[in-house]
Amino acid sequence: MAIIITDECINCGACEPECPNTAIYEGADDWRYADGTDLNGDVVLPSGKAANANEANEPLSDEIYYIVPDKCTECVGFHDEPQCAAVCPVDCCVPDPANEESQEHLMAKQKFMHHD
C-alpha cells in the first residue's frame, strides 16, 4: 500500500530527499510523474490510467508535505522499509489503508518508473 503523510506533519522536509521515486512533494507544489523517474511524455500507468509524465499536476495538499500514491512503492526495489517513515521525527508517514497494494504490484510500479 502507498504511504500517506498525516496532518501531524510538521513540514520539516526530512522525508522528501529520502524518496527514491520522488513521490513526496512540499505542500502547494505541483507534481509530475517524470520527476525522479524514467517516465517521459504520454504513458499508461500500471493502474491503466493514461497520463502525460511531463504535465504538472495539482498539489494533493496545500499545507503539508504529501505523497503521490501512483508514485509510491513503499521503497520496494530500493530499500527494506519506507525511508520516509524511517526518517520522520513525528511518525506521520504511515501506510494508507485506501491504497493497499501487493509486493508484486509495488515492484511492478517500481520497474515501470525506473527502466533499469
PDB file of N, CA and C in Angstrom:
ATOM      1  N   MET A   1       0.841  -1.178   0.000  1.00  0.00           N
ATOM      2  CA  MET A   1       0.000   0.000   0.000  1.00  0.00           C
ATOM      3  C   MET A   1       0.881   1.235   0.000  1.00  0.00           C
ATOM      4  N   ALA A   2       0.403   2.294  -0.545  1.00  0.00           N
ATOM      5  CA  ALA A   2       1.146   3.542  -0.551  1.00  0.00           C
ATOM      6  C   ALA A   2       1.219   4.078   0.880  1.00  0.00           C
ATOM      7  N   ILE A   3       2.170   4.948   1.078  1.00  0.00           N
ATOM      8  CA  ILE A   3       2.319   5.628   2.366  1.00  0.00           C
ATOM      9  C   ILE A   3       1.620   6.981   2.246  1.00  0.00           C
ATOM     10  N   ILE A   4       1.016   7.436   3.337  1.00  0.00           N
ATOM     11  CA  ILE A   4       0.443   8.780   3.374  1.00  0.00           C
ATOM     12  C   ILE A   4       1.118   9.554   4.504  1.00  0.00           C
ATOM     13  N   ILE A   5       1.048  10.862   4.390  1.00  0.00           N
ATOM     14  CA  ILE A   5       1.553  11.741   5.436  1.00  0.00           C
ATOM     15  C   ILE A   5       0.337  12.316   6.148  1.00  0.00           C
ATOM     16  N   THR A   6       0.262  12.087   7.438  1.00  0.00           N
ATOM     17  CA  THR A   6      -0.896  12.543   8.214  1.00  0.00           C
ATOM     18  C   THR A   6      -0.775  14.035   8.534  1.00  0.00           C
ATOM     19  N   ASP A   7      -1.858  14.591   9.044  1.00  0.00           N
ATOM     20  CA  ASP A   7      -1.857  16.023   9.351  1.00  0.00           C
ATOM     21  C   ASP A   7      -1.033  16.365  10.591  1.00  0.00           C
ATOM     22  N   GLU A   8      -0.365  15.363  11.182  1.00  0.00           N
ATOM     23  CA  GLU A   8       0.584  15.666  12.256  1.00  0.00           C
ATOM     24  C   GLU A   8       1.908  16.174  11.699  1.00  0.00           C
ATOM     25  N   CYS A   9       2.055  16.177  10.365  1.00  0.00           N
ATOM     26  CA  CYS A   9       3.276  16.617   9.698  1.00  0.00           C
ATOM     27  C   CYS A   9       3.681  18.013  10.184  1.00  0.00           C
ATOM     28  N   ILE A  10       4.971  18.166  10.513  1.00  0.00           N
ATOM     29  CA  ILE A  10       5.488  19.457  10.981  1.00  0.00           C
ATOM     30  C   ILE A  10       6.246  20.195   9.874  1.00  0.00           C
ATOM     31  N   ASN A  11       6.161  19.689   8.630  1.00  0.00           N
ATOM     32  CA  ASN A  11       6.813  20.320   7.480  1.00  0.00           C
ATOM     33  C   ASN A  11       8.325  20.458   7.657  1.00  0.00           C
ATOM     34  N   CYS A  12       8.948  19.448   8.259  1.00  0.00           N
ATOM     35  CA  CYS A  12      10.397  19.513   8.459  1.00  0.00           C
ATOM     36  C   CYS A  12      11.159  19.226   7.173  1.00  0.00           C
ATOM     37  N   GLY A  13      10.539  18.464   6.253  1.00  0.00           N
ATOM     38  CA  GLY A  13      11.178  18.177   4.975  1.00  0.00           C
ATOM     39  C   GLY A  13      12.150  17.015   4.986  1.00  0.00           C
ATOM     40  N   ALA A  14      12.282  16.306   6.103  1.00  0.00           N
ATOM     41  CA  ALA A  14      13.246  15.200   6.187  1.00  0.00           C
ATOM     42  C   ALA A  14      12.935  14.084   5.200  1.00  0.00           C
ATOM     43  N   CYS A  15      11.659  13.866   4.923  1.00  0.00           N
ATOM     44  CA  CYS A  15      11.235  12.754   4.070  1.00  0.00           C
ATOM     45  C   CYS A  15      11.523  12.969   2.588  1.00  0.00           C
ATOM     46  N   GLU A  16      11.379  14.188   2.122  1.00  0.00           N
ATOM     47  CA  GLU A  16      11.420  14.458   0.680  1.00  0.00           C
ATOM     48  C   GLU A  16      12.684  13.948  -0.016  1.00  0.00           C
ATOM     49  N   PRO A  17      13.897  14.247   0.472  1.00  0.00           N
ATOM     50  CA  PRO A  17      15.090  13.767  -0.243  1.00  0.00           C
ATOM     51  C   PRO A  17      15.321  12.265  -0.117  1.00  0.00           C
ATOM     52  N   GLU A  18      14.621  11.607   0.796  1.00  0.00           N
ATOM     53  CA  GLU A  18      14.807  10.171   1.008  1.00  0.00           C
ATOM     54  C   GLU A  18      14.041   9.313   0.010  1.00  0.00           C
ATOM     55  N   CYS A  19      13.057   9.884  -0.671  1.00  0.00           N
ATOM     56  CA  CYS A  19      12.175   9.101  -1.545  1.00  0.00           C
ATOM     57  C   CYS A  19      12.869   8.769  -2.868  1.00  0.00           C
ATOM     58  N   PRO A  20      13.071   7.474  -3.156  1.00  0.00           N
ATOM     59  CA  PRO A  20      13.743   7.100  -4.402  1.00  0.00           C
ATOM     60  C   PRO A  20      12.879   7.287  -5.649  1.00  0.00           C
ATOM     61  N   ASN A  21      11.590   7.524  -5.468  1.00  0.00           N
ATOM     62  CA  ASN A  21      10.678   7.720  -6.594  1.00  0.00           C
ATOM     63  C   ASN A  21      10.272   9.177  -6.790  1.00  0.00           C
ATOM     64  N   THR A  22      10.802  10.072  -5.967  1.00  0.00           N
ATOM     65  CA  THR A  22      10.370  11.467  -5.949  1.00  0.00           C
ATOM     66  C   THR A  22       8.839  11.523  -5.894  1.00  0.00           C
ATOM     67  N   ALA A  23       8.276  10.784  -4.951  1.00  0.00           N
ATOM     68  CA  ALA A  23       6.822  10.754  -4.764  1.00  0.00           C
ATOM     69  C   ALA A  23       6.373  11.743  -3.700  1.00  0.00           C
ATOM     70  N   ILE A  24       7.328  12.366  -2.997  1.00  0.00           N
ATOM     71  CA  ILE A  24       6.996  13.277  -1.898  1.00  0.00           C
ATOM     72  C   ILE A  24       7.252  14.712  -2.348  1.00  0.00           C
ATOM     73  N   TYR A  25       6.256  15.548  -2.111  1.00  0.00           N
ATOM     74  CA  TYR A  25       6.335  16.951  -2.515  1.00  0.00           C
ATOM     75  C   TYR A  25       5.951  17.856  -1.355  1.00  0.00           C
ATOM     76  N   GLU A  26       6.518  19.050  -1.354  1.00  0.00           N
ATOM     77  CA  GLU A  26       6.160  20.042  -0.352  1.00  0.00           C
ATOM     78  C   GLU A  26       4.755  20.544  -0.631  1.00  0.00           C
ATOM     79  N   GLY A  27       4.010  20.818   0.418  1.00  0.00           N
ATOM     80  CA  GLY A  27       2.654  21.317   0.274  1.00  0.00           C
ATOM     81  C   GLY A  27       2.589  22.485  -0.687  1.00  0.00           C
ATOM     82  N   ALA A  28       1.573  22.499  -1.550  1.00  0.00           N
ATOM     83  CA  ALA A  28       1.300  23.530  -2.546  1.00  0.00           C
ATOM     84  C   ALA A  28       2.184  23.420  -3.791  1.00  0.00           C
ATOM     85  N   ASP A  29       3.159  22.505  -3.817  1.00  0.00           N
ATOM     86  CA  ASP A  29       3.981  22.306  -5.008  1.00  0.00           C
ATOM     87  C   ASP A  29       3.290  21.366  -5.990  1.00  0.00           C
ATOM     88  N   ASP A  30       3.329  21.714  -7.284  1.00  0.00           N
ATOM     89  CA  ASP A  30       2.828  20.825  -8.326  1.00  0.00           C
ATOM     90  C   ASP A  30       3.726  19.588  -8.396  1.00  0.00           C
ATOM     91  N   TRP A  31       3.187  18.494  -8.928  1.00  0.00           N
ATOM     92  CA  TRP A  31       3.977  17.274  -9.076  1.00  0.00           C
ATOM     93  C   TRP A  31       3.843  16.734 -10.498  1.00  0.00           C
ATOM     94  N   ARG A  32       4.843  15.916 -10.898  1.00  0.00           N
ATOM     95  CA  ARG A  32       4.874  15.296 -12.225  1.00  0.00           C
ATOM     96  C   ARG A  32       5.292  13.842 -12.097  1.00  0.00           C
ATOM     97  N   TYR A  33       4.747  12.995 -12.958  1.00  0.00           N
ATOM     98  CA  TYR A  33       5.180  11.598 -12.984  1.00  0.00           C
ATOM     99  C   TYR A  33       6.649  11.506 -13.388  1.00  0.00           C
ATOM    100  N   ALA A  34       7.135  12.422 -14.218  1.00  0.00           N
ATOM    101  CA  ALA A  34       8.513  12.386 -14.708  1.00  0.00           C
ATOM    102  C   ALA A  34       9.534  12.703 -13.627  1.00  0.00           C
ATOM    103  N   ASP A  35       9.152  13.444 -12.597  1.00  0.00           N
ATOM    104  CA  ASP A  35      10.103  13.837 -11.554  1.00  0.00           C
ATOM    105  C   ASP A  35      10.751  12.619 -10.920  1.00  0.00           C
ATOM    106  N   GLY A  36      12.065  12.497 -11.053  1.00  0.00           N
ATOM    107  CA  GLY A  36      12.801  11.424 -10.399  1.00  0.00           C
ATOM    108  C   GLY A  36      12.581  10.034 -10.967  1.00  0.00           C
ATOM    109  N   THR A  37      11.942   9.946 -12.140  1.00  0.00           N
ATOM    110  CA  THR A  37      11.684   8.637 -12.757  1.00  0.00           C
ATOM    111  C   THR A  37      12.203   8.662 -14.195  1.00  0.00           C
ATOM    112  N   ASP A  38      12.080   7.537 -14.887  1.00  0.00           N
ATOM    113  CA  ASP A  38      12.441   7.452 -16.302  1.00  0.00           C
ATOM    114  C   ASP A  38      11.255   7.747 -17.213  1.00  0.00           C
ATOM    115  N   LEU A  39      10.122   8.124 -16.635  1.00  0.00           N
ATOM    116  CA  LEU A  39       8.916   8.362 -17.426  1.00  0.00           C
ATOM    117  C   LEU A  39       9.017   9.680 -18.185  1.00  0.00           C
ATOM    118  N   ASN A  40       8.484   9.680 -19.419  1.00  0.00           N
ATOM    119  CA  ASN A  40       8.539  10.862 -20.256  1.00  0.00           C
ATOM    120  C   ASN A  40       7.383  10.817 -21.250  1.00  0.00           C
ATOM    121  N   GLY A  41       6.742  11.946 -21.480  1.00  0.00           N
ATOM    122  CA  GLY A  41       5.667  12.012 -22.464  1.00  0.00           C
ATOM    123  C   GLY A  41       4.435  11.243 -22.035  1.00  0.00           C
ATOM    124  N   ASP A  42       3.667  10.785 -23.023  1.00  0.00           N
ATOM    125  CA  ASP A  42       2.426  10.062 -22.746  1.00  0.00           C
ATOM    126  C   ASP A  42       2.732   8.654 -22.246  1.00  0.00           C
ATOM    127  N   VAL A  43       2.133   8.283 -21.127  1.00  0.00           N
ATOM    128  CA  VAL A  43       2.331   6.960 -20.537  1.00  0.00           C
ATOM    129  C   VAL A  43       0.990   6.383 -20.108  1.00  0.00           C
ATOM    130  N   VAL A  44       0.938   5.074 -19.994  1.00  0.00           N
ATOM    131  CA  VAL A  44      -0.203   4.399 -19.393  1.00  0.00           C
ATOM    132  C   VAL A  44       0.325   3.763 -18.112  1.00  0.00           C
ATOM    133  N   LEU A  45      -0.193   4.207 -16.993  1.00  0.00           N
ATOM    134  CA  LEU A  45       0.272   3.746 -15.683  1.00  0.00           C
ATOM    135  C   LEU A  45      -0.140   2.296 -15.445  1.00  0.00           C
ATOM    136  N   PRO A  46       0.551   1.603 -14.534  1.00  0.00           N
ATOM    137  CA  PRO A  46       0.154   0.229 -14.211  1.00  0.00           C
ATOM    138  C   PRO A  46      -1.319   0.111 -13.807  1.00  0.00           C
ATOM    139  N   SER A  47      -1.884   1.186 -13.277  1.00  0.00           N
ATOM    140  CA  SER A  47      -3.300   1.185 -12.893  1.00  0.00           C
ATOM    141  C   SER A  47      -4.221   1.257 -14.116  1.00  0.00           C
ATOM    142  N   GLY A  48      -3.635   1.522 -15.309  1.00  0.00           N
ATOM    143  CA  GLY A  48      -4.420   1.632 -16.524  1.00  0.00           C
ATOM    144  C   GLY A  48      -4.755   3.066 -16.901  1.00  0.00           C
ATOM    145  N   LYS A  49      -4.456   4.005 -16.011  1.00  0.00           N
ATOM    146  CA  LYS A  49      -4.737   5.410 -16.249  1.00  0.00           C
ATOM    147  C   LYS A  49      -3.717   6.002 -17.219  1.00  0.00           C
ATOM    148  N   ALA A  50      -4.177   6.762 -18.193  1.00  0.00           N
ATOM    149  CA  ALA A  50      -3.289   7.444 -19.131  1.00  0.00           C
ATOM    150  C   ALA A  50      -2.923   8.812 -18.563  1.00  0.00           C
ATOM    151  N   ALA A  51      -1.668   9.210 -18.787  1.00  0.00           N
ATOM    152  CA  ALA A  51      -1.207  10.500 -18.286  1.00  0.00           C
ATOM    153  C   ALA A  51      -0.038  10.977 -19.130  1.00  0.00           C
ATOM    154  N   ASN A  52       0.247  12.260 -19.044  1.00  0.00           N
ATOM    155  CA  ASN A  52       1.466  12.797 -19.631  1.00  0.00           C
ATOM    156  C   ASN A  52       2.437  13.011 -18.482  1.00  0.00           C
ATOM    157  N   ALA A  53       3.561  12.310 -18.537  1.00  0.00           N
ATOM    158  CA  ALA A  53       4.517  12.319 -17.423  1.00  0.00           C
ATOM    159  C   ALA A  53       5.094  13.699 -17.156  1.00  0.00           C
ATOM    160  N   ASN A  54       5.110  14.572 -18.172  1.00  0.00           N
ATOM    161  CA  ASN A  54       5.729  15.882 -18.021  1.00  0.00           C
ATOM    162  C   ASN A  54       4.767  16.979 -17.583  1.00  0.00           C
ATOM    163  N   GLU A  55       3.474  16.682 -17.592  1.00  0.00           N
ATOM    164  CA  GLU A  55       2.488  17.691 -17.201  1.00  0.00           C
ATOM    165  C   GLU A  55       2.456  17.875 -15.695  1.00  0.00           C
ATOM    166  N   ALA A  56       2.320  19.130 -15.283  1.00  0.00           N
ATOM    167  CA  ALA A  56       2.192  19.438 -13.861  1.00  0.00           C
ATOM    168  C   ALA A  56       0.804  19.048 -13.378  1.00  0.00           C
ATOM    169  N   ASN A  57       0.760  18.444 -12.209  1.00  0.00           N
ATOM    170  CA  ASN A  57      -0.495  18.058 -11.575  1.00  0.00           C
ATOM    171  C   ASN A  57      -0.708  18.903 -10.325  1.00  0.00           C
ATOM    172  N   GLU A  58      -1.970  19.108  -9.996  1.00  0.00           N
ATOM    173  CA  GLU A  58      -2.313  19.909  -8.816  1.00  0.00           C
ATOM    174  C   GLU A  58      -1.764  19.264  -7.544  1.00  0.00           C
ATOM    175  N   PRO A  59      -1.322  20.075  -6.593  1.00  0.00           N
ATOM    176  CA  PRO A  59      -0.851  19.526  -5.313  1.00  0.00           C
ATOM    177  C   PRO A  59      -1.961  18.749  -4.610  1.00  0.00           C
ATOM    178  N   LEU A  60      -1.587  17.674  -3.916  1.00  0.00           N
ATOM    179  CA  LEU A  60      -2.553  16.892  -3.149  1.00  0.00           C
ATOM    180  C   LEU A  60      -2.803  17.513  -1.780  1.00  0.00           C
ATOM    181  N   SER A  61      -1.930  18.450  -1.389  1.00  0.00           N
ATOM    182  CA  SER A  61      -2.115  19.192  -0.144  1.00  0.00           C
ATOM    183  C   SER A  61      -1.542  20.592  -0.340  1.00  0.00           C
ATOM    184  N   ASP A  62      -2.195  21.568   0.237  1.00  0.00           N
ATOM    185  CA  ASP A  62      -1.674  22.934   0.180  1.00  0.00           C
ATOM    186  C   ASP A  62      -0.912  23.298   1.446  1.00  0.00           C
ATOM    187  N   GLU A  63      -0.995  22.442   2.476  1.00  0.00           N
ATOM    188  CA  GLU A  63      -0.450  22.816   3.773  1.00  0.00           C
ATOM    189  C   GLU A  63       0.727  21.988   4.247  1.00  0.00           C
ATOM    190  N   ILE A  64       0.724  20.691   3.952  1.00  0.00           N
ATOM    191  CA  ILE A  64       1.795  19.821   4.443  1.00  0.00           C
ATOM    192  C   ILE A  64       2.390  19.018   3.288  1.00  0.00           C
ATOM    193  N   TYR A  65       3.548  18.419   3.547  1.00  0.00           N
ATOM    194  CA  TYR A  65       4.130  17.524   2.551  1.00  0.00           C
ATOM    195  C   TYR A  65       3.126  16.430   2.221  1.00  0.00           C
ATOM    196  N   TYR A  66       3.197  15.930   0.989  1.00  0.00           N
ATOM    197  CA  TYR A  66       2.268  14.877   0.579  1.00  0.00           C
ATOM    198  C   TYR A  66       2.983  13.864  -0.299  1.00  0.00           C
ATOM    199  N   ILE A  67       2.384  12.673  -0.385  1.00  0.00           N
ATOM    200  CA  ILE A  67       2.932  11.582  -1.186  1.00  0.00           C
ATOM    201  C   ILE A  67       1.945  11.261  -2.308  1.00  0.00           C
ATOM    202  N   VAL A  68       2.444  11.172  -3.538  1.00  0.00           N
ATOM    203  CA  VAL A  68       1.627  10.814  -4.695  1.00  0.00           C
ATOM    204  C   VAL A  68       1.482   9.287  -4.703  1.00  0.00           C
ATOM    205  N   PRO A  69       0.270   8.754  -4.477  1.00  0.00           N
ATOM    206  CA  PRO A  69       0.093   7.300  -4.379  1.00  0.00           C
ATOM    207  C   PRO A  69       0.570   6.535  -5.617  1.00  0.00           C
ATOM    208  N   ASP A  70       0.347   7.098  -6.814  1.00  0.00           N
ATOM    209  CA  ASP A  70       0.754   6.410  -8.042  1.00  0.00           C
ATOM    210  C   ASP A  70       2.271   6.280  -8.165  1.00  0.00           C
ATOM    211  N   LYS A  71       3.024   7.091  -7.417  1.00  0.00           N
ATOM    212  CA  LYS A  71       4.485   7.036  -7.490  1.00  0.00           C
ATOM    213  C   LYS A  71       5.109   6.314  -6.298  1.00  0.00           C
ATOM    214  N   CYS A  72       4.339   6.094  -5.243  1.00  0.00           N
ATOM    215  CA  CYS A  72       4.876   5.465  -4.032  1.00  0.00           C
ATOM    216  C   CYS A  72       4.923   3.948  -4.187  1.00  0.00           C
ATOM    217  N   THR A  73       6.110   3.382  -3.934  1.00  0.00           N
ATOM    218  CA  THR A  73       6.272   1.924  -3.958  1.00  0.00           C
ATOM    219  C   THR A  73       6.665   1.398  -2.579  1.00  0.00           C
ATOM    220  N   GLU A  74       6.495   2.215  -1.542  1.00  0.00           N
ATOM    221  CA  GLU A  74       6.934   1.853  -0.187  1.00  0.00           C
ATOM    222  C   GLU A  74       8.416   1.500  -0.190  1.00  0.00           C
ATOM    223  N   CYS A  75       9.144   2.052  -1.136  1.00  0.00           N
ATOM    224  CA  CYS A  75      10.589   1.822  -1.320  1.00  0.00           C
ATOM    225  C   CYS A  75      10.921   0.405  -1.783  1.00  0.00           C
ATOM    226  N   VAL A  76       9.903  -0.386  -2.184  1.00  0.00           N
ATOM    227  CA  VAL A  76      10.146  -1.717  -2.739  1.00  0.00           C
ATOM    228  C   VAL A  76      11.037  -1.559  -3.967  1.00  0.00           C
ATOM    229  N   GLY A  77      12.046  -2.413  -4.059  1.00  0.00           N
ATOM    230  CA  GLY A  77      13.006  -2.334  -5.151  1.00  0.00           C
ATOM    231  C   GLY A  77      14.196  -1.454  -4.832  1.00  0.00           C
ATOM    232  N   PHE A  78      14.134  -0.745  -3.712  1.00  0.00           N
ATOM    233  CA  PHE A  78      15.224   0.140  -3.298  1.00  0.00           C
ATOM    234  C   PHE A  78      15.720  -0.150  -1.885  1.00  0.00           C
ATOM    235  N   HIS A  79      14.787  -0.251  -0.935  1.00  0.00           N
ATOM    236  CA  HIS A  79      15.130  -0.380   0.487  1.00  0.00           C
ATOM    237  C   HIS A  79      14.222  -1.411   1.152  1.00  0.00           C
ATOM    238  N   ASP A  80      14.607  -1.852   2.338  1.00  0.00           N
ATOM    239  CA  ASP A  80      13.822  -2.838   3.079  1.00  0.00           C
ATOM    240  C   ASP A  80      12.595  -2.252   3.765  1.00  0.00           C
ATOM    241  N   GLU A  81      12.559  -0.936   3.921  1.00  0.00           N
ATOM    242  CA  GLU A  81      11.428  -0.279   4.570  1.00  0.00           C
ATOM    243  C   GLU A  81      11.235   1.100   3.952  1.00  0.00           C
ATOM    244  N   PRO A  82      10.040   1.668   4.064  1.00  0.00           N
ATOM    245  CA  PRO A  82       9.813   3.014   3.543  1.00  0.00           C
ATOM    246  C   PRO A  82      10.737   4.018   4.232  1.00  0.00           C
ATOM    247  N   GLN A  83      11.552   4.695   3.443  1.00  0.00           N
ATOM    248  CA  GLN A  83      12.528   5.616   4.004  1.00  0.00           C
ATOM    249  C   GLN A  83      11.902   6.856   4.617  1.00  0.00           C
ATOM    250  N   CYS A  84      10.758   7.296   4.083  1.00  0.00           N
ATOM    251  CA  CYS A  84      10.091   8.460   4.666  1.00  0.00           C
ATOM    252  C   CYS A  84       9.711   8.174   6.115  1.00  0.00           C
ATOM    253  N   ALA A  85       9.155   6.992   6.355  1.00  0.00           N
ATOM    254  CA  ALA A  85       8.756   6.615   7.708  1.00  0.00           C
ATOM    255  C   ALA A  85       9.972   6.463   8.616  1.00  0.00           C
ATOM    256  N   ALA A  86      11.075   5.966   8.052  1.00  0.00           N
ATOM    257  CA  ALA A  86      12.286   5.743   8.852  1.00  0.00           C
ATOM    258  C   ALA A  86      12.884   7.057   9.361  1.00  0.00           C
ATOM    259  N   VAL A  87      12.760   8.140   8.587  1.00  0.00           N
ATOM    260  CA  VAL A  87      13.380   9.406   8.986  1.00  0.00           C
ATOM    261  C   VAL A  87      12.411  10.403   9.614  1.00  0.00           C
ATOM    262  N   CYS A  88      11.112  10.133   9.576  1.00  0.00           N
ATOM    263  CA  CYS A  88      10.128  11.088  10.081  1.00  0.00           C
ATOM    264  C   CYS A  88      10.224  11.233  11.601  1.00  0.00           C
ATOM    265  N   PRO A  89      10.474  12.455  12.091  1.00  0.00           N
ATOM    266  CA  PRO A  89      10.618  12.639  13.541  1.00  0.00           C
ATOM    267  C   PRO A  89       9.304  12.573  14.312  1.00  0.00           C
ATOM    268  N   VAL A  90       8.165  12.680  13.624  1.00  0.00           N
ATOM    269  CA  VAL A  90       6.877  12.653  14.330  1.00  0.00           C
ATOM    270  C   VAL A  90       6.019  11.460  13.914  1.00  0.00           C
ATOM    271  N   ASP A  91       6.613  10.495  13.212  1.00  0.00           N
ATOM    272  CA  ASP A  91       5.914   9.271  12.804  1.00  0.00           C
ATOM    273  C   ASP A  91       4.593   9.544  12.088  1.00  0.00           C
ATOM    274  N   CYS A  92       4.611  10.481  11.144  1.00  0.00           N
ATOM    275  CA  CYS A  92       3.374  10.782  10.420  1.00  0.00           C
ATOM    276  C   CYS A  92       3.352  10.179   9.015  1.00  0.00           C
ATOM    277  N   CYS A  93       4.370   9.407   8.640  1.00  0.00           N
ATOM    278  CA  CYS A  93       4.371   8.685   7.360  1.00  0.00           C
ATOM    279  C   CYS A  93       3.915   7.260   7.662  1.00  0.00           C
ATOM    280  N   VAL A  94       2.669   6.973   7.303  1.00  0.00           N
ATOM    281  CA  VAL A  94       2.049   5.703   7.692  1.00  0.00           C
ATOM    282  C   VAL A  94       1.411   5.029   6.472  1.00  0.00           C
ATOM    283  N   PRO A  95       1.189   3.711   6.543  1.00  0.00           N
ATOM    284  CA  PRO A  95       0.504   3.022   5.444  1.00  0.00           C
ATOM    285  C   PRO A  95      -0.888   3.603   5.203  1.00  0.00           C
ATOM    286  N   ASP A  96      -1.246   3.722   3.928  1.00  0.00           N
ATOM    287  CA  ASP A  96      -2.538   4.273   3.541  1.00  0.00           C
ATOM    288  C   ASP A  96      -3.523   3.138   3.307  1.00  0.00           C
ATOM    289  N   PRO A  97      -4.481   2.931   4.216  1.00  0.00           N
ATOM    290  CA  PRO A  97      -5.433   1.835   4.046  1.00  0.00           C
ATOM    291  C   PRO A  97      -6.295   1.972   2.790  1.00  0.00           C
ATOM    292  N   ALA A  98      -6.369   3.164   2.217  1.00  0.00           N
ATOM    293  CA  ALA A  98      -7.150   3.370   0.993  1.00  0.00           C
ATOM    294  C   ALA A  98      -6.372   2.958  -0.260  1.00  0.00           C
ATOM    295  N   ASN A  99      -5.075   2.655  -0.112  1.00  0.00           N
ATOM    296  CA  ASN A  99      -4.242   2.279  -1.257  1.00  0.00           C
ATOM    297  C   ASN A  99      -3.431   1.032  -0.944  1.00  0.00           C
ATOM    298  N   GLU A 100      -4.102  -0.065  -0.660  1.00  0.00           N
ATOM    299  CA  GLU A 100      -3.405  -1.316  -0.373  1.00  0.00           C
ATOM    300  C   GLU A 100      -2.936  -1.964  -1.666  1.00  0.00           C
ATOM    301  N   GLU A 101      -1.649  -2.370  -1.697  1.00  0.00           N
ATOM    302  CA  GLU A 101      -1.066  -2.989  -2.883  1.00  0.00           C
ATOM    303  C   GLU A 101      -0.176  -4.153  -2.467  1.00  0.00           C
ATOM    304  N   SER A 102      -0.126  -5.173  -3.293  1.00  0.00           N
ATOM    305  CA  SER A 102       0.732  -6.327  -3.009  1.00  0.00           C
ATOM    306  C   SER A 102       2.185  -5.983  -3.293  1.00  0.00           C
ATOM    307  N   GLN A 103       3.090  -6.790  -2.766  1.00  0.00           N
ATOM    308  CA  GLN A 103       4.524  -6.623  -3.048  1.00  0.00           C
ATOM    309  C   GLN A 103       4.753  -6.679  -4.558  1.00  0.00           C
ATOM    310  N   GLU A 104       4.058  -7.580  -5.242  1.00  0.00           N
ATOM    311  CA  GLU A 104       4.217  -7.722  -6.694  1.00  0.00           C
ATOM    312  C   GLU A 104       3.794  -6.441  -7.417  1.00  0.00           C
ATOM    313  N   HIS A 105       2.691  -5.850  -6.976  1.00  0.00           N
ATOM    314  CA  HIS A 105       2.223  -4.615  -7.605  1.00  0.00           C
ATOM    315  C   HIS A 105       3.202  -3.472  -7.350  1.00  0.00           C
ATOM    316  N   LEU A 106       3.707  -3.386  -6.117  1.00  0.00           N
ATOM    317  CA  LEU A 106       4.671  -2.339  -5.786  1.00  0.00           C
ATOM    318  C   LEU A 106       5.936  -2.497  -6.623  1.00  0.00           C
ATOM    319  N   MET A 107       6.401  -3.738  -6.803  1.00  0.00           N
ATOM    320  CA  MET A 107       7.594  -3.983  -7.613  1.00  0.00           C
ATOM    321  C   MET A 107       7.322  -3.650  -9.077  1.00  0.00           C
ATOM    322  N   ALA A 108       6.130  -3.955  -9.562  1.00  0.00           N
ATOM    323  CA  ALA A 108       5.778  -3.623 -10.946  1.00  0.00           C
ATOM    324  C   ALA A 108       5.774  -2.104 -11.149  1.00  0.00           C
ATOM    325  N   LYS A 109       5.275  -1.340 -10.173  1.00  0.00           N
ATOM    326  CA  LYS A 109       5.293   0.116 -10.261  1.00  0.00           C
ATOM    327  C   LYS A 109       6.736   0.621 -10.291  1.00  0.00           C
ATOM    328  N   GLN A 110       7.593   0.026  -9.444  1.00  0.00           N
ATOM    329  CA  GLN A 110       8.998   0.439  -9.391  1.00  0.00           C
ATOM    330  C   GLN A 110       9.660   0.195 -10.736  1.00  0.00           C
ATOM    331  N   LYS A 111       9.460  -0.978 -11.306  1.00  0.00           N
ATOM    332  CA  LYS A 111      10.071  -1.316 -12.601  1.00  0.00           C
ATOM    333  C   LYS A 111       9.520  -0.431 -13.718  1.00  0.00           C
ATOM    334  N   PHE A 112       8.236  -0.072 -13.646  1.00  0.00           N
ATOM    335  CA  PHE A 112       7.628   0.792 -14.642  1.00  0.00           C
ATOM    336  C   PHE A 112       8.265   2.193 -14.614  1.00  0.00           C
ATOM    337  N   MET A 113       8.505   2.709 -13.424  1.00  0.00           N
ATOM    338  CA  MET A 113       9.046   4.069 -13.295  1.00  0.00           C
ATOM    339  C   MET A 113      10.548   4.144 -13.538  1.00  0.00           C
ATOM    340  N   HIS A 114      11.252   3.045 -13.303  1.00  0.00           N
ATOM    341  CA  HIS A 114      12.715   3.028 -13.419  1.00  0.00           C
ATOM    342  C   HIS A 114      13.107   1.881 -14.324  1.00  0.00           C
ATOM    343  N   HIS A 115      13.294   2.143 -15.602  1.00  0.00           N
ATOM    344  CA  HIS A 115      13.572   1.120 -16.606  1.00  0.00           C
ATOM    345  C   HIS A 115      15.018   0.635 -16.541  1.00  0.00           C
ATOM    346  N   ASP A 116      15.425   0.027 -15.487  1.00  0.00           N
ATOM    347  CA  ASP A 116      16.830  -0.402 -15.337  1.00  0.00           C
ATOM    348  C   ASP A 116      17.254  -1.329 -16.437  1.00  0.00           C
TER     349      ASP A 116
END
